[in-house]
N, C-alpha and C. Protein backbone atom coordinates (compact mmCIF):
# COMPACT_ATOMS: atom_id res chain seq x y z
N UNK A 1 -23.70 4.77 11.78
CA UNK A 1 -22.32 4.56 12.18
C UNK A 1 -21.53 5.84 11.87
N UNK A 2 -20.77 6.29 12.85
CA UNK A 2 -19.97 7.50 12.68
C UNK A 2 -18.66 7.16 11.97
N UNK A 3 -18.36 7.91 10.93
CA UNK A 3 -17.13 7.70 10.19
C UNK A 3 -16.01 8.52 10.82
N UNK A 4 -14.82 7.97 10.81
CA UNK A 4 -13.66 8.72 11.29
C UNK A 4 -12.45 8.43 10.41
N UNK A 5 -11.41 9.20 10.61
CA UNK A 5 -10.21 9.09 9.78
C UNK A 5 -9.46 7.78 9.97
N UNK A 6 -9.48 7.24 11.19
CA UNK A 6 -8.77 5.98 11.43
C UNK A 6 -9.39 4.83 10.67
N UNK A 7 -10.71 4.84 10.59
CA UNK A 7 -11.39 3.79 9.83
C UNK A 7 -11.06 3.91 8.35
N UNK A 8 -10.98 5.12 7.84
CA UNK A 8 -10.60 5.32 6.44
C UNK A 8 -9.17 4.82 6.20
N UNK A 9 -8.23 5.12 7.10
CA UNK A 9 -6.87 4.62 6.96
C UNK A 9 -6.81 3.10 7.01
N UNK A 10 -7.64 2.50 7.86
CA UNK A 10 -7.72 1.05 7.92
C UNK A 10 -8.22 0.48 6.59
N UNK A 11 -9.26 1.08 6.03
CA UNK A 11 -9.79 0.62 4.75
C UNK A 11 -8.74 0.75 3.65
N UNK A 12 -8.04 1.89 3.61
CA UNK A 12 -7.02 2.09 2.58
C UNK A 12 -5.88 1.08 2.75
N UNK A 13 -5.44 0.86 3.98
CA UNK A 13 -4.38 -0.12 4.24
C UNK A 13 -4.78 -1.52 3.83
N UNK A 14 -6.00 -1.90 4.18
CA UNK A 14 -6.47 -3.24 3.78
C UNK A 14 -6.62 -3.34 2.27
N UNK A 15 -7.04 -2.25 1.63
CA UNK A 15 -7.13 -2.25 0.17
C UNK A 15 -5.77 -2.41 -0.49
N UNK A 16 -4.77 -1.70 0.03
CA UNK A 16 -3.41 -1.83 -0.52
C UNK A 16 -2.85 -3.23 -0.31
N UNK A 17 -3.08 -3.80 0.86
CA UNK A 17 -2.58 -5.15 1.14
C UNK A 17 -3.30 -6.17 0.26
N UNK A 18 -4.62 -6.03 0.16
CA UNK A 18 -5.38 -6.96 -0.68
C UNK A 18 -5.00 -6.85 -2.14
N UNK A 19 -4.79 -5.63 -2.62
CA UNK A 19 -4.37 -5.44 -4.00
C UNK A 19 -2.99 -6.00 -4.28
N UNK A 20 -2.08 -5.85 -3.33
CA UNK A 20 -0.73 -6.39 -3.54
C UNK A 20 -0.74 -7.92 -3.48
N UNK A 21 -1.56 -8.50 -2.62
CA UNK A 21 -1.68 -9.96 -2.61
C UNK A 21 -2.26 -10.47 -3.92
N UNK A 22 -3.27 -9.78 -4.42
CA UNK A 22 -3.87 -10.17 -5.70
C UNK A 22 -2.85 -10.02 -6.83
N UNK A 23 -2.03 -8.98 -6.78
CA UNK A 23 -0.99 -8.79 -7.80
C UNK A 23 0.05 -9.92 -7.73
N UNK A 24 0.39 -10.36 -6.52
CA UNK A 24 1.34 -11.47 -6.39
C UNK A 24 0.77 -12.76 -6.97
N UNK A 25 -0.51 -13.00 -6.72
CA UNK A 25 -1.14 -14.22 -7.23
C UNK A 25 -1.28 -14.20 -8.75
N UNK A 26 -1.47 -13.03 -9.33
CA UNK A 26 -1.70 -12.92 -10.77
C UNK A 26 -0.45 -12.54 -11.56
N UNK A 27 0.73 -12.51 -10.95
CA UNK A 27 1.91 -12.06 -11.66
C UNK A 27 2.35 -13.02 -12.77
N UNK A 28 1.94 -14.28 -12.71
CA UNK A 28 2.32 -15.24 -13.75
C UNK A 28 1.38 -15.22 -14.95
N UNK A 29 0.29 -14.47 -14.89
CA UNK A 29 -0.64 -14.38 -16.01
C UNK A 29 -0.09 -13.34 -16.99
N UNK A 30 0.25 -13.75 -18.22
CA UNK A 30 0.92 -12.82 -19.13
C UNK A 30 0.04 -11.64 -19.57
N UNK A 31 -1.24 -11.80 -19.68
CA UNK A 31 -2.11 -10.72 -20.13
C UNK A 31 -2.35 -9.64 -19.09
N UNK A 32 -2.00 -9.89 -17.84
CA UNK A 32 -2.24 -8.94 -16.76
C UNK A 32 -0.95 -8.32 -16.22
N UNK A 33 0.11 -8.36 -16.99
CA UNK A 33 1.39 -7.86 -16.50
C UNK A 33 1.36 -6.35 -16.24
N UNK A 34 0.52 -5.60 -16.96
CA UNK A 34 0.44 -4.16 -16.73
C UNK A 34 -0.22 -3.85 -15.39
N UNK A 35 -1.03 -4.74 -14.86
CA UNK A 35 -1.66 -4.54 -13.56
C UNK A 35 -0.76 -4.95 -12.40
N UNK A 36 0.13 -5.89 -12.64
CA UNK A 36 0.93 -6.46 -11.55
C UNK A 36 2.35 -5.92 -11.49
N UNK A 37 2.76 -5.10 -12.42
CA UNK A 37 4.11 -4.52 -12.40
C UNK A 37 4.21 -3.53 -11.24
N UNK A 38 5.23 -3.67 -10.42
CA UNK A 38 5.35 -2.83 -9.22
C UNK A 38 6.39 -1.73 -9.41
N UNK A 39 6.16 -0.66 -8.67
CA UNK A 39 7.11 0.44 -8.57
C UNK A 39 7.54 0.54 -7.11
N UNK A 40 8.84 0.59 -6.90
CA UNK A 40 9.37 0.61 -5.54
C UNK A 40 9.62 2.04 -5.10
N UNK A 41 9.12 2.37 -3.92
CA UNK A 41 9.39 3.64 -3.27
C UNK A 41 10.05 3.33 -1.94
N UNK A 42 11.17 3.98 -1.66
CA UNK A 42 11.84 3.72 -0.38
C UNK A 42 12.32 5.02 0.23
N UNK A 43 12.38 5.02 1.56
CA UNK A 43 12.83 6.17 2.33
C UNK A 43 13.66 5.65 3.48
N UNK A 44 14.87 6.14 3.63
CA UNK A 44 15.79 5.64 4.66
C UNK A 44 16.38 6.78 5.49
N UNK A 45 15.64 7.27 6.47
CA UNK A 45 16.23 8.29 7.34
C UNK A 45 17.19 7.65 8.34
N UNK A 46 18.26 8.36 8.63
CA UNK A 46 19.24 7.86 9.60
C UNK A 46 19.90 9.05 10.27
N UNK A 47 20.31 8.86 11.51
CA UNK A 47 21.01 9.92 12.24
C UNK A 47 21.92 9.28 13.29
N UNK A 48 23.03 9.94 13.52
CA UNK A 48 23.95 9.55 14.59
C UNK A 48 24.17 10.80 15.44
N UNK A 49 23.53 10.84 16.60
CA UNK A 49 23.57 12.01 17.47
C UNK A 49 24.42 11.78 18.72
N UNK A 50 25.45 11.00 18.60
CA UNK A 50 26.41 10.61 19.63
C UNK A 50 25.74 9.79 20.75
N UNK A 51 24.69 10.30 21.34
CA UNK A 51 23.99 9.58 22.41
C UNK A 51 22.97 8.62 21.82
N UNK A 52 22.40 9.02 20.73
CA UNK A 52 21.32 8.25 20.10
C UNK A 52 21.59 8.13 18.61
N UNK A 53 21.43 6.94 18.09
CA UNK A 53 21.54 6.77 16.65
C UNK A 53 20.41 5.88 16.18
N UNK A 54 19.93 6.14 14.98
CA UNK A 54 18.86 5.31 14.43
C UNK A 54 19.05 5.18 12.93
N UNK A 55 18.48 4.12 12.42
CA UNK A 55 18.49 3.84 10.99
C UNK A 55 17.16 3.15 10.68
N UNK A 56 16.37 3.77 9.87
CA UNK A 56 15.03 3.27 9.57
C UNK A 56 14.85 3.19 8.07
N UNK A 57 14.32 2.10 7.59
CA UNK A 57 14.07 1.95 6.16
C UNK A 57 12.60 1.62 5.96
N UNK A 58 11.93 2.44 5.19
CA UNK A 58 10.54 2.21 4.82
C UNK A 58 10.49 1.96 3.32
N UNK A 59 9.83 0.87 2.91
CA UNK A 59 9.76 0.51 1.51
C UNK A 59 8.32 0.23 1.14
N UNK A 60 7.88 0.76 0.03
CA UNK A 60 6.52 0.58 -0.45
C UNK A 60 6.58 0.13 -1.89
N UNK A 61 5.97 -1.01 -2.18
CA UNK A 61 5.89 -1.51 -3.55
C UNK A 61 4.44 -1.34 -4.00
N UNK A 62 4.25 -0.48 -4.99
CA UNK A 62 2.90 -0.13 -5.43
C UNK A 62 2.70 -0.65 -6.85
N UNK A 63 1.58 -1.32 -7.08
CA UNK A 63 1.19 -1.73 -8.42
C UNK A 63 -0.14 -1.07 -8.76
N UNK A 64 -0.49 -1.12 -10.02
CA UNK A 64 -1.76 -0.54 -10.44
C UNK A 64 -2.93 -1.27 -9.79
N UNK A 65 -2.79 -2.55 -9.58
CA UNK A 65 -3.85 -3.33 -8.95
C UNK A 65 -4.03 -2.93 -7.48
N UNK A 66 -2.96 -2.63 -6.78
CA UNK A 66 -3.09 -2.21 -5.38
C UNK A 66 -3.70 -0.81 -5.29
N UNK A 67 -3.40 0.07 -6.25
CA UNK A 67 -4.02 1.39 -6.27
C UNK A 67 -5.52 1.27 -6.55
N UNK A 68 -5.88 0.39 -7.47
CA UNK A 68 -7.30 0.17 -7.76
C UNK A 68 -8.03 -0.39 -6.56
N UNK A 69 -7.39 -1.30 -5.83
CA UNK A 69 -8.02 -1.88 -4.64
C UNK A 69 -8.16 -0.83 -3.53
N UNK A 70 -7.19 0.06 -3.40
CA UNK A 70 -7.31 1.14 -2.42
C UNK A 70 -8.43 2.09 -2.81
N UNK A 71 -8.59 2.35 -4.09
CA UNK A 71 -9.71 3.17 -4.56
C UNK A 71 -11.05 2.51 -4.28
N UNK A 72 -11.12 1.20 -4.46
CA UNK A 72 -12.34 0.47 -4.13
C UNK A 72 -12.63 0.51 -2.64
N UNK A 73 -11.57 0.49 -1.83
CA UNK A 73 -11.75 0.57 -0.37
C UNK A 73 -12.29 1.94 0.03
N UNK A 74 -11.81 3.01 -0.60
CA UNK A 74 -12.34 4.35 -0.31
C UNK A 74 -13.80 4.44 -0.75
N UNK A 75 -14.11 3.84 -1.89
CA UNK A 75 -15.50 3.83 -2.37
C UNK A 75 -16.41 3.08 -1.38
N UNK A 76 -15.95 1.94 -0.88
CA UNK A 76 -16.73 1.20 0.11
C UNK A 76 -16.90 1.98 1.40
N UNK A 77 -15.86 2.70 1.81
CA UNK A 77 -15.94 3.53 3.01
C UNK A 77 -17.00 4.62 2.85
N UNK A 78 -17.02 5.24 1.70
CA UNK A 78 -18.01 6.30 1.45
C UNK A 78 -19.43 5.76 1.37
N UNK A 79 -19.60 4.50 0.96
CA UNK A 79 -20.92 3.89 0.87
C UNK A 79 -21.46 3.45 2.24
N UNK A 80 -20.59 3.40 3.24
CA UNK A 80 -21.02 2.98 4.58
C UNK A 80 -21.93 4.02 5.21
């Protein structure tokens, strides 16, 4: 099977989503709070160019568990 960059991005995206879902499910477990604590990253570009205006907000909530899951996804990709 030929590896490509899009497949790697898919694996990383699925790893981040899976890790964040796991963090949501485990957030009530007191001993795992260091894995499920999230850090918010946001970016809000906006412009008003008289003819065209846009406002876009991108938000990323990253936890240690989602980073570990993305790392596992990269490892699985390399093992393919």
